[in-house]
PDB file of N, CA and C in Angstrom:
ATOM      1  N   MET A   1     -32.376  11.415  73.721  1.00  0.00           N
ATOM      2  CA  MET A   1     -31.374  11.401  74.744  1.00  0.00           C
ATOM      3  C   MET A   1     -31.915  10.413  75.807  1.00  0.00           C
ATOM      4  N   GLY A   2     -30.970   9.451  76.206  1.00  0.00           N
ATOM      5  CA  GLY A   2     -31.338   8.516  77.278  1.00  0.00           C
ATOM      6  C   GLY A   2     -31.181   9.065  78.708  1.00  0.00           C
ATOM      7  N   LEU A   3     -31.858   8.697  79.590  1.00  0.00           N
ATOM      8  CA  LEU A   3     -31.715   9.072  81.033  1.00  0.00           C
ATOM      9  C   LEU A   3     -30.480   8.661  81.632  1.00  0.00           C
ATOM     10  N   LEU A   4     -30.244   7.458  81.333  1.00  0.00           N
ATOM     11  CA  LEU A   4     -28.959   6.760  81.941  1.00  0.00           C
ATOM     12  C   LEU A   4     -29.066   6.947  83.339  1.00  0.00           C
ATOM     13  N   GLY A   5     -30.303   6.545  83.904  1.00  0.00           N
ATOM     14  CA  GLY A   5     -30.551   6.562  85.392  1.00  0.00           C
ATOM     15  C   GLY A   5     -32.042   6.620  85.567  1.00  0.00           C
ATOM     16  N   ALA A   6     -32.462   7.094  86.651  1.00  0.00           N
ATOM     17  CA  ALA A   6     -33.783   7.108  87.171  1.00  0.00           C
ATOM     18  C   ALA A   6     -34.352   8.473  86.976  1.00  0.00           C
ATOM     19  N   ARG A   7     -33.665   9.491  86.702  1.00  0.00           N
ATOM     20  CA  ARG A   7     -34.004  10.989  86.633  1.00  0.00           C
ATOM     21  C   ARG A   7     -33.354  11.687  85.511  1.00  0.00           C
ATOM     22  N   LEU A   8     -34.048  12.665  85.026  1.00  0.00           N
ATOM     23  CA  LEU A   8     -33.353  13.574  84.145  1.00  0.00           C
ATOM     24  C   LEU A   8     -32.459  14.546  84.981  1.00  0.00           C
ATOM     25  N   SER A   9     -31.162  14.641  84.796  1.00  0.00           N
ATOM     26  CA  SER A   9     -30.248  15.268  85.467  1.00  0.00           C
ATOM     27  C   SER A   9     -30.385  16.794  85.165  1.00  0.00           C
ATOM     28  N   PRO A  10     -29.869  17.735  85.848  1.00  0.00           N
ATOM     29  CA  PRO A  10     -29.984  19.133  85.726  1.00  0.00           C
ATOM     30  C   PRO A  10     -29.111  19.409  84.359  1.00  0.00           C
ATOM     31  N   GLN A  11     -28.075  18.642  84.252  1.00  0.00           N
ATOM     32  CA  GLN A  11     -27.207  18.848  82.932  1.00  0.00           C
ATOM     33  C   GLN A  11     -27.896  18.425  81.822  1.00  0.00           C
ATOM     34  N   GLN A  12     -28.476  17.298  81.881  1.00  0.00           N
ATOM     35  CA  GLN A  12     -29.525  16.773  80.720  1.00  0.00           C
ATOM     36  C   GLN A  12     -30.652  17.816  80.339  1.00  0.00           C
ATOM     37  N   GLN A  13     -31.300  18.360  81.317  1.00  0.00           N
ATOM     38  CA  GLN A  13     -32.268  19.486  81.079  1.00  0.00           C
ATOM     39  C   GLN A  13     -31.725  20.739  80.343  1.00  0.00           C
ATOM     40  N   ILE A  14     -30.404  21.049  80.693  1.00  0.00           N
ATOM     41  CA  ILE A  14     -29.885  22.151  80.079  1.00  0.00           C
ATOM     42  C   ILE A  14     -29.595  21.895  78.633  1.00  0.00           C
ATOM     43  N   ILE A  15     -28.975  20.776  78.368  1.00  0.00           N
ATOM     44  CA  ILE A  15     -28.861  20.226  77.162  1.00  0.00           C
ATOM     45  C   ILE A  15     -29.965  20.259  76.273  1.00  0.00           C
ATOM     46  N   LEU A  16     -31.044  19.786  76.834  1.00  0.00           N
ATOM     47  CA  LEU A  16     -32.384  19.829  76.074  1.00  0.00           C
ATOM     48  C   LEU A  16     -32.772  21.466  75.746  1.00  0.00           C
ATOM     49  N   GLU A  17     -32.736  22.258  76.670  1.00  0.00           N
ATOM     50  CA  GLU A  17     -33.034  23.459  76.563  1.00  0.00           C
ATOM     51  C   GLU A  17     -32.230  24.216  75.461  1.00  0.00           C
ATOM     52  N   GLU A  18     -30.961  23.854  75.603  1.00  0.00           N
ATOM     53  CA  GLU A  18     -29.964  24.598  74.667  1.00  0.00           C
ATOM     54  C   GLU A  18     -30.263  24.026  73.198  1.00  0.00           C
ATOM     55  N   SER A  19     -30.538  22.811  73.024  1.00  0.00           N
ATOM     56  CA  SER A  19     -30.746  22.192  71.762  1.00  0.00           C
ATOM     57  C   SER A  19     -31.820  22.627  70.843  1.00  0.00           C
ATOM     58  N   GLY A  20     -32.761  23.483  71.363  1.00  0.00           N
ATOM     59  CA  GLY A  20     -33.711  23.970  70.479  1.00  0.00           C
ATOM     60  C   GLY A  20     -34.998  22.932  70.481  1.00  0.00           C
ATOM     61  N   ALA A  21     -35.009  21.949  71.048  1.00  0.00           N
ATOM     62  CA  ALA A  21     -35.953  20.826  71.216  1.00  0.00           C
ATOM     63  C   ALA A  21     -37.219  21.484  71.642  1.00  0.00           C
ATOM     64  N   ILE A  22     -38.377  21.041  71.058  1.00  0.00           N
ATOM     65  CA  ILE A  22     -39.671  21.545  71.331  1.00  0.00           C
ATOM     66  C   ILE A  22     -40.486  20.379  72.062  1.00  0.00           C
ATOM     67  N   ASN A  23     -40.218  19.228  71.577  1.00  0.00           N
ATOM     68  CA  ASN A  23     -41.030  18.062  72.042  1.00  0.00           C
ATOM     69  C   ASN A  23     -40.151  17.009  72.939  1.00  0.00           C
ATOM     70  N   ILE A  24     -40.656  16.241  73.957  1.00  0.00           N
ATOM     71  CA  ILE A  24     -39.922  15.486  74.565  1.00  0.00           C
ATOM     72  C   ILE A  24     -40.950  14.222  74.545  1.00  0.00           C
ATOM     73  N   VAL A  25     -40.321  12.951  74.021  1.00  0.00           N
ATOM     74  CA  VAL A  25     -41.072  11.793  74.054  1.00  0.00           C
ATOM     75  C   VAL A  25     -40.447  10.840  74.972  1.00  0.00           C
ATOM     76  N   ILE A  26     -41.566  10.475  76.017  1.00  0.00           N
ATOM     77  CA  ILE A  26     -40.928   9.630  77.141  1.00  0.00           C
ATOM     78  C   ILE A  26     -41.501   8.316  76.906  1.00  0.00           C
ATOM     79  N   ALA A  27     -40.398   7.334  77.005  1.00  0.00           N
ATOM     80  CA  ALA A  27     -40.625   5.896  76.984  1.00  0.00           C
ATOM     81  C   ALA A  27     -40.069   5.092  78.019  1.00  0.00           C
ATOM     82  N   THR A  28     -40.129   5.457  79.287  1.00  0.00           N
ATOM     83  CA  THR A  28     -39.489   4.902  80.344  1.00  0.00           C
ATOM     84  C   THR A  28     -40.232   3.541  80.713  1.00  0.00           C
ATOM     85  N   ASP A  29     -39.454   2.492  81.398  1.00  0.00           N
ATOM     86  CA  ASP A  29     -40.012   1.390  81.636  1.00  0.00           C
ATOM     87  C   ASP A  29     -41.386   1.354  82.485  1.00  0.00           C
ATOM     88  N   ASN A  30     -42.099   0.356  82.314  1.00  0.00           N
ATOM     89  CA  ASN A  30     -43.601   0.368  82.973  1.00  0.00           C
ATOM     90  C   ASN A  30     -43.440  -0.294  84.385  1.00  0.00           C
ATOM     91  N   ASP A  31     -42.521   0.434  85.310  1.00  0.00           N
ATOM     92  CA  ASP A  31     -42.541  -0.125  86.671  1.00  0.00           C
ATOM     93  C   ASP A  31     -42.415   1.153  87.420  1.00  0.00           C
ATOM     94  N   GLU A  32     -42.126   0.982  88.844  1.00  0.00           N
ATOM     95  CA  GLU A  32     -42.078   2.050  89.716  1.00  0.00           C
ATOM     96  C   GLU A  32     -40.994   3.088  89.368  1.00  0.00           C
ATOM     97  N   ALA A  33     -39.920   2.624  89.141  1.00  0.00           N
ATOM     98  CA  ALA A  33     -38.929   3.584  88.781  1.00  0.00           C
ATOM     99  C   ALA A  33     -39.103   4.583  87.513  1.00  0.00           C
ATOM    100  N   GLY A  34     -39.662   3.752  86.615  1.00  0.00           N
ATOM    101  CA  GLY A  34     -40.066   4.364  85.192  1.00  0.00           C
ATOM    102  C   GLY A  34     -41.072   5.361  85.171  1.00  0.00           C
ATOM    103  N   ASN A  35     -42.049   5.107  86.016  1.00  0.00           N
ATOM    104  CA  ASN A  35     -43.168   6.067  86.413  1.00  0.00           C
ATOM    105  C   ASN A  35     -42.713   7.263  86.975  1.00  0.00           C
ATOM    106  N   LYS A  36     -41.726   7.028  88.116  1.00  0.00           N
ATOM    107  CA  LYS A  36     -41.141   8.188  88.854  1.00  0.00           C
ATOM    108  C   LYS A  36     -40.359   8.930  87.953  1.00  0.00           C
ATOM    109  N   ALA A  37     -39.648   8.363  87.167  1.00  0.00           N
ATOM    110  CA  ALA A  37     -38.762   9.113  86.255  1.00  0.00           C
ATOM    111  C   ALA A  37     -39.692   9.888  85.192  1.00  0.00           C
ATOM    112  N   ALA A  38     -40.611   9.286  84.625  1.00  0.00           N
ATOM    113  CA  ALA A  38     -41.488  10.022  83.803  1.00  0.00           C
ATOM    114  C   ALA A  38     -42.425  11.305  84.470  1.00  0.00           C
ATOM    115  N   ASN A  39     -42.790  10.901  85.778  1.00  0.00           N
ATOM    116  CA  ASN A  39     -43.239  12.067  86.357  1.00  0.00           C
ATOM    117  C   ASN A  39     -42.497  13.088  86.730  1.00  0.00           C
ATOM    118  N   HIS A  40     -41.142  12.842  86.932  1.00  0.00           N
ATOM    119  CA  HIS A  40     -40.214  13.851  87.303  1.00  0.00           C
ATOM    120  C   HIS A  40     -39.934  14.671  86.122  1.00  0.00           C
ATOM    121  N   ILE A  41     -39.776  14.191  84.867  1.00  0.00           N
ATOM    122  CA  ILE A  41     -39.507  14.853  83.688  1.00  0.00           C
ATOM    123  C   ILE A  41     -40.890  15.821  83.361  1.00  0.00           C
ATOM    124  N   ILE A  42     -41.991  15.160  83.552  1.00  0.00           N
ATOM    125  CA  ILE A  42     -43.235  15.904  83.234  1.00  0.00           C
ATOM    126  C   ILE A  42     -43.248  17.093  84.087  1.00  0.00           C
ATOM    127  N   THR A  43     -43.027  16.811  85.532  1.00  0.00           N
ATOM    128  CA  THR A  43     -43.072  17.946  86.449  1.00  0.00           C
ATOM    129  C   THR A  43     -42.046  19.134  86.133  1.00  0.00           C
ATOM    130  N   THR A  44     -40.806  18.659  85.895  1.00  0.00           N
ATOM    131  CA  THR A  44     -39.813  19.755  85.680  1.00  0.00           C
ATOM    132  C   THR A  44     -39.809  20.360  84.250  1.00  0.00           C
ATOM    133  N   CYS A  45     -40.354  19.682  83.280  1.00  0.00           N
ATOM    134  CA  CYS A  45     -40.135  20.096  81.775  1.00  0.00           C
ATOM    135  C   CYS A  45     -41.431  20.707  81.245  1.00  0.00           C
ATOM    136  N   SER A  46     -42.532  20.623  81.787  1.00  0.00           N
ATOM    137  CA  SER A  46     -43.830  20.622  81.212  1.00  0.00           C
ATOM    138  C   SER A  46     -43.927  22.157  80.710  1.00  0.00           C
ATOM    139  N   GLY A  47     -43.495  23.071  81.357  1.00  0.00           N
ATOM    140  CA  GLY A  47     -43.506  24.413  80.938  1.00  0.00           C
ATOM    141  C   GLY A  47     -42.573  24.770  79.824  1.00  0.00           C
ATOM    142  N   LEU A  48     -41.631  24.010  79.671  1.00  0.00           N
ATOM    143  CA  LEU A  48     -40.726  24.290  78.628  1.00  0.00           C
ATOM    144  C   LEU A  48     -40.935  23.571  77.205  1.00  0.00           C
ATOM    145  N   PHE A  49     -41.539  22.304  77.349  1.00  0.00           N
ATOM    146  CA  PHE A  49     -41.582  21.294  76.127  1.00  0.00           C
ATOM    147  C   PHE A  49     -42.839  21.009  76.143  1.00  0.00           C
ATOM    148  N   ASN A  50     -43.250  20.344  74.788  1.00  0.00           N
ATOM    149  CA  ASN A  50     -44.332  19.618  74.706  1.00  0.00           C
ATOM    150  C   ASN A  50     -44.030  18.175  75.111  1.00  0.00           C
ATOM    151  N   ILE A  51     -44.810  17.391  76.019  1.00  0.00           N
ATOM    152  CA  ILE A  51     -44.294  16.294  76.420  1.00  0.00           C
ATOM    153  C   ILE A  51     -45.501  15.082  75.960  1.00  0.00           C
ATOM    154  N   LYS A  52     -45.027  13.945  75.445  1.00  0.00           N
ATOM    155  CA  LYS A  52     -45.905  12.929  75.103  1.00  0.00           C
ATOM    156  C   LYS A  52     -45.113  11.718  75.772  1.00  0.00           C
ATOM    157  N   ARG A  53     -45.958  10.993  76.545  1.00  0.00           N
ATOM    158  CA  ARG A  53     -45.594   9.621  77.131  1.00  0.00           C
ATOM    159  C   ARG A  53     -46.076   8.515  76.398  1.00  0.00           C
ATOM    160  N   ILE A  54     -45.321   7.623  75.915  1.00  0.00           N
ATOM    161  CA  ILE A  54     -45.748   6.597  74.981  1.00  0.00           C
ATOM    162  C   ILE A  54     -46.013   5.583  76.049  1.00  0.00           C
ATOM    163  N   GLU A  55     -47.190   4.807  75.740  1.00  0.00           N
ATOM    164  CA  GLU A  55     -47.509   3.699  76.520  1.00  0.00           C
ATOM    165  C   GLU A  55     -47.473   2.472  75.708  1.00  0.00           C
ATOM    166  N   TYR A  56     -47.039   1.370  76.192  1.00  0.00           N
ATOM    167  CA  TYR A  56     -46.873   0.123  75.476  1.00  0.00           C
ATOM    168  C   TYR A  56     -46.986  -1.055  76.419  1.00  0.00           C
ATOM    169  N   PRO A  57     -47.217  -2.296  75.756  1.00  0.00           N
ATOM    170  CA  PRO A  57     -47.276  -3.447  76.483  1.00  0.00           C
ATOM    171  C   PRO A  57     -46.009  -3.879  77.099  1.00  0.00           C
ATOM    172  N   GLY A  58     -45.976  -4.434  78.258  1.00  0.00           N
ATOM    173  CA  GLY A  58     -44.932  -5.108  78.875  1.00  0.00           C
ATOM    174  C   GLY A  58     -44.137  -4.110  79.710  1.00  0.00           C
ATOM    175  N   LYS A  59     -42.964  -4.415  80.159  1.00  0.00           N
ATOM    176  CA  LYS A  59     -42.400  -3.740  81.235  1.00  0.00           C
ATOM    177  C   LYS A  59     -41.275  -2.844  80.530  1.00  0.00           C
ATOM    178  N   ASP A  60     -40.647  -3.147  79.559  1.00  0.00           N
ATOM    179  CA  ASP A  60     -39.470  -2.558  79.086  1.00  0.00           C
ATOM    180  C   ASP A  60     -39.777  -2.375  77.489  1.00  0.00           C
ATOM    181  N   PRO A  61     -39.538  -0.924  77.012  1.00  0.00           N
ATOM    182  CA  PRO A  61     -39.623  -0.854  75.606  1.00  0.00           C
ATOM    183  C   PRO A  61     -38.589  -1.652  74.633  1.00  0.00           C
ATOM    184  N   GLY A  62     -37.553  -2.018  75.407  1.00  0.00           N
ATOM    185  CA  GLY A  62     -36.541  -2.830  74.722  1.00  0.00           C
ATOM    186  C   GLY A  62     -37.010  -4.305  74.369  1.00  0.00           C
ATOM    187  N   SER A  63     -38.063  -4.844  74.919  1.00  0.00           N
ATOM    188  CA  SER A  63     -38.515  -6.064  74.869  1.00  0.00           C
ATOM    189  C   SER A  63     -39.580  -6.183  73.697  1.00  0.00           C
ATOM    190  N   LEU A  64     -39.973  -4.934  73.065  1.00  0.00           N
ATOM    191  CA  LEU A  64     -40.804  -5.120  72.023  1.00  0.00           C
ATOM    192  C   LEU A  64     -40.408  -5.505  70.768  1.00  0.00           C
ATOM    193  N   SER A  65     -41.164  -6.204  69.944  1.00  0.00           N
ATOM    194  CA  SER A  65     -40.452  -6.527  68.669  1.00  0.00           C
ATOM    195  C   SER A  65     -40.287  -5.330  67.818  1.00  0.00           C
ATOM    196  N   ILE A  66     -39.798  -5.588  66.697  1.00  0.00           N
ATOM    197  CA  ILE A  66     -39.446  -4.338  65.752  1.00  0.00           C
ATOM    198  C   ILE A  66     -40.955  -3.908  65.314  1.00  0.00           C
ATOM    199  N   GLU A  67     -41.729  -4.756  64.923  1.00  0.00           N
ATOM    200  CA  GLU A  67     -43.040  -4.498  64.416  1.00  0.00           C
ATOM    201  C   GLU A  67     -43.891  -3.738  65.447  1.00  0.00           C
ATOM    202  N   GLN A  68     -43.788  -4.230  66.520  1.00  0.00           N
ATOM    203  CA  GLN A  68     -44.523  -3.551  67.688  1.00  0.00           C
ATOM    204  C   GLN A  68     -43.969  -2.177  67.914  1.00  0.00           C
ATOM    205  N   THR A  69     -42.688  -1.990  67.963  1.00  0.00           N
ATOM    206  CA  THR A  69     -42.125  -0.684  68.027  1.00  0.00           C
ATOM    207  C   THR A  69     -42.505   0.217  66.890  1.00  0.00           C
ATOM    208  N   LYS A  70     -42.599  -0.137  65.718  1.00  0.00           N
ATOM    209  CA  LYS A  70     -43.066   0.702  64.627  1.00  0.00           C
ATOM    210  C   LYS A  70     -44.533   1.132  64.896  1.00  0.00           C
ATOM    211  N   GLN A  71     -45.314   0.124  65.110  1.00  0.00           N
ATOM    212  CA  GLN A  71     -46.587   0.430  65.226  1.00  0.00           C
ATOM    213  C   GLN A  71     -47.076   1.262  66.491  1.00  0.00           C
ATOM    214  N   ILE A  72     -46.339   1.220  67.606  1.00  0.00           N
ATOM    215  CA  ILE A  72     -46.452   2.225  68.793  1.00  0.00           C
ATOM    216  C   ILE A  72     -45.790   3.569  68.533  1.00  0.00           C
ATOM    217  N   PHE A  73     -44.665   3.502  68.185  1.00  0.00           N
ATOM    218  CA  PHE A  73     -43.852   4.795  68.117  1.00  0.00           C
ATOM    219  C   PHE A  73     -43.986   5.692  66.964  1.00  0.00           C
ATOM    220  N   LEU A  74     -44.007   5.044  65.754  1.00  0.00           N
ATOM    221  CA  LEU A  74     -44.162   5.798  64.490  1.00  0.00           C
ATOM    222  C   LEU A  74     -45.348   6.617  64.464  1.00  0.00           C
ATOM    223  N   PRO A  75     -46.415   6.242  64.731  1.00  0.00           N
ATOM    224  CA  PRO A  75     -47.625   7.272  64.555  1.00  0.00           C
ATOM    225  C   PRO A  75     -47.402   8.497  65.498  1.00  0.00           C
ATOM    226  N   ILE A  76     -46.893   8.212  66.681  1.00  0.00           N
ATOM    227  CA  ILE A  76     -46.488   9.374  67.623  1.00  0.00           C
ATOM    228  C   ILE A  76     -45.546  10.420  67.297  1.00  0.00           C
ATOM    229  N   LEU A  77     -44.475   9.665  66.555  1.00  0.00           N
ATOM    230  CA  LEU A  77     -43.445  10.482  66.255  1.00  0.00           C
ATOM    231  C   LEU A  77     -43.713  11.330  64.863  1.00  0.00           C
ATOM    232  N   GLU A  78     -44.698  10.746  64.225  1.00  0.00           N
ATOM    233  CA  GLU A  78     -44.972  11.411  62.866  1.00  0.00           C
ATOM    234  C   GLU A  78     -45.813  12.719  63.222  1.00  0.00           C
ATOM    235  N   ARG A  79     -46.619  12.727  64.266  1.00  0.00           N
ATOM    236  CA  ARG A  79     -47.423  13.724  64.690  1.00  0.00           C
ATOM    237  C   ARG A  79     -46.793  14.857  65.340  1.00  0.00           C
ATOM    238  N   ILE A  80     -45.467  14.508  65.747  1.00  0.00           N
ATOM    239  CA  ILE A  80     -44.809  15.768  66.498  1.00  0.00           C
ATOM    240  C   ILE A  80     -43.660  16.234  65.559  1.00  0.00           C
TER     241      ILE A  80
END
């Protein structure tokens, strides 16, 4: 699920809770807004889900090459 903003909305949190999800993978931008969003998700959801924040080079995960994306994301996704 994409944030579509700088915070996880209460409605998005309800959707996650009702979906049966166990894990949340966070890949927000590497900037102040992205860090605030990630911290908000961790604070509000850590008691409900296993949370993993993906760290990557650069500012935006969309700027990664396909190969970089595979190298960074796949090992994490395969473990959860």
